[in-house]
Amino acid sequence: MMNSTFSAQLSWILVVLLLSPVLVNSQGSPFQPRPRDDCEVVDLIFILDRSWSLRSPENFQKELSFVADVVSVLDFSKSRVSVITFSDDADLNIQFNEYRTLSSFQNAVRTLPWVGGNTYTHKAIEMMLGEYKNHIQTRAGITTIGVVITDGGSTDPYKLEDVVKVVHNDRIEMYAIGVGDEVNQQELEMLATGFDHVYLLNDLNSLSTIQDKLVGRFCRGTPAPTQAPPSDFTDCSKPVDLVFVLDSSWSLMAATNFLKELKFVTEVVNALSDNMGQSRISVITFSDDAEMSIPLTMFTSKRDFVNKVLNLPWVGGNTYTDKALEMMYKQFDSIRVPGRRSVGVVITDGGSTNPFRTQSVIKKVKQRGITMFAIGVGMSINQEELQMMASDPVSDHKFLVDDLDALQMLRSTIVSRLCPGRSTRPPICESDPADIFFIVDKSSSLQSQENFNKELSFIARIIDSIIVGTGRDDSRVGLISFSTNASLSFGLSAYTTNDAVKDALLREKFTTGDTYTHKAFNIMLEQFRNTARRDPRVKKIGFIVTDGQSTDPNTLKQYIEQVKATNIEMYAVGCCEKSGAGDFDSEELNMMASKPSNVFHVDDLDDLRTISVELNLKRCRNQK
């Protein structure tokens, strides 16, 4: 009897134990992670090393658990996650949209097999590009982030180098995580979007130490990743024209040494600030000749600038410093902005091949009031020449380092000297709210996508002077393009961050046709009537960039009268009066703008980079 009673009780206990997970899940487990409401919508692609060097399935499982933990904060009904694993080959183990709940994704990722093999990283990166391109059309405005985890260098580094260039051109934000002593740090830095996107760990157990940093990239409540110490953050709120002049001669001995100069440039720029707004940066390289590698243009995207710099080639040759300095001051002369500081930073490892002419050019540089920093590398430097190049006081502007690796030690010093009055903490920025429509001309007179891109880049710089967002005090931006017809490229609610707006803007395609400006004005008026906020604090701003007179000026006048009857403030930029590329009408331009100070003329599309337009919506102050 006792045995049968005990047996019955045991059966009931087993039934309860077996059913309890179902009961708990049906009621919602208190331990089940929930999506956080402070995370943006993202597309994440994890690229996981499964090669022999991991040594065991247990170690591979640590990578998989890291992925499962990182994504636990995301809302899977909006964000998407893909997983690629690689060794001799790459496999797309989990595609975008394959799993629409967190639990199903986590279950799938934790069961992925360890395969073993070599480390053909480039195959995984190529597969990532394919997954990205297959889905980008349906995800406009959504950031794509790639996360590579590897414990060794690539088996075919040359193919990896080629495919990485495509990745950076395609605007995928890349993180590179290296584990153990066998990683190739240079390869990781090449993979990553910036130096602050690289993590070096002792072992796979340390992955948990960077989880918050990675999550902080897309969840505002978590500290954002800061691999580089932020102690030298500088408020470059006053625009500066900055030219790096880099030695590319034979004495560098190898392309890897030239790359150290390039990385120093990118790290200085990274430390200056996340967004230099109306500042302009240029890079000149020199050996037998001087090369305008990156012209002095407005600083629109840190990521694009860094990618351009890191892909500059080592040339080799003699050290004609004079040619580079001459190119620098002539560039300053051609597009100088009154009241803006002109700064040059020279890095060289040897004396000039033509020292007498270099002395003459240095005098011309100093006559123009250009602030010069001179950095000498190694034992072959001409100290007297370096001292002549440096501005006064020389002790604050001349630096000597033993080798190119030691450039890193100068980063904080150079940053603080480039932007005096630096702040140890990022500035606090506030914004007046505005709904803004940019109207961009893409008629036949522009002649090419390249010229159209100059208009778009100009607008992108203006967007840096506002704060785009969904808050009550944030601004919203829309884009209207026109030629024979006009179209709404994107509306005020389409994109909710500065970067998303700029990415959408810079993807706009050139067309051809006539210049029916009034059709664009018609769309703007309709959009303001139907989609603008009713809050009286919110300004309504229209901003047109055109290179030609309207094809139908009489109808345009009628629409201008309608705009003036509203509270829309209009800005107008006209191009190419002298170059022949366009034929804008100054009177028409003045008529479109709300007041004379809102009108801007340039002779050539290249001259758009020389003008600064402030909408006066954003105000920043240093933290004490």
Foldseek 3Di string as FASTA:
>chain_A
DVVVVVVVVVVVVVVCVVCVVVVCVVVDPPPQQDADPQFDAAEEEEEEELACVLVDQVQSLLVLVLVLVLCSNHQLQGHWYWYWYDAPAIDRQGATPPDSDSVVVSVSSNPDGRDHHHAAPLRRLVVVVVSCVVCVVVPALHAYEYEYEDAAEHPDVVSNLVSLLVVLVVRHAYAYEYEADHYDVVSRCSNHLHPLRYHYYHHSVCSVVCSLQVSVVGGVVGDHGGPDDLQLAFDLQAAAFEEEEEELACVLVDFVQSLLVLNLVLLLVPRPHQANQLHWYWYWYDAPAIDRQGATFGDQHSSVVSSSSNPDTRDHHHAAVLRRLQVQVVSCVVQPDPPHAAEYEYEDAAEHPDNVSSLVSLVVCVVVVHAYAYEYEADHYDVVSSQSNHDPPSVLRYYYDHGSVCSVVCSSSVSCVVHPPTFSDDWDKFFQEAEEEEEEEQACLLVDQVLSLLVLSLVSSQLSQAFFADDPRHYFYWYWYDAPAIDTLDARPPHGGSVSVSVSSNVDGHDYHHAQPQNSLVVLVVRCVPPNDPPPSYAAEYEYEEAEDHPDVVSSLVSLVVVLVDRYAYAYEYEACPPSSYNHDPVSRCSNGPHPVRYYYYNHSVSSRSDDDHPPTMDIDHDD
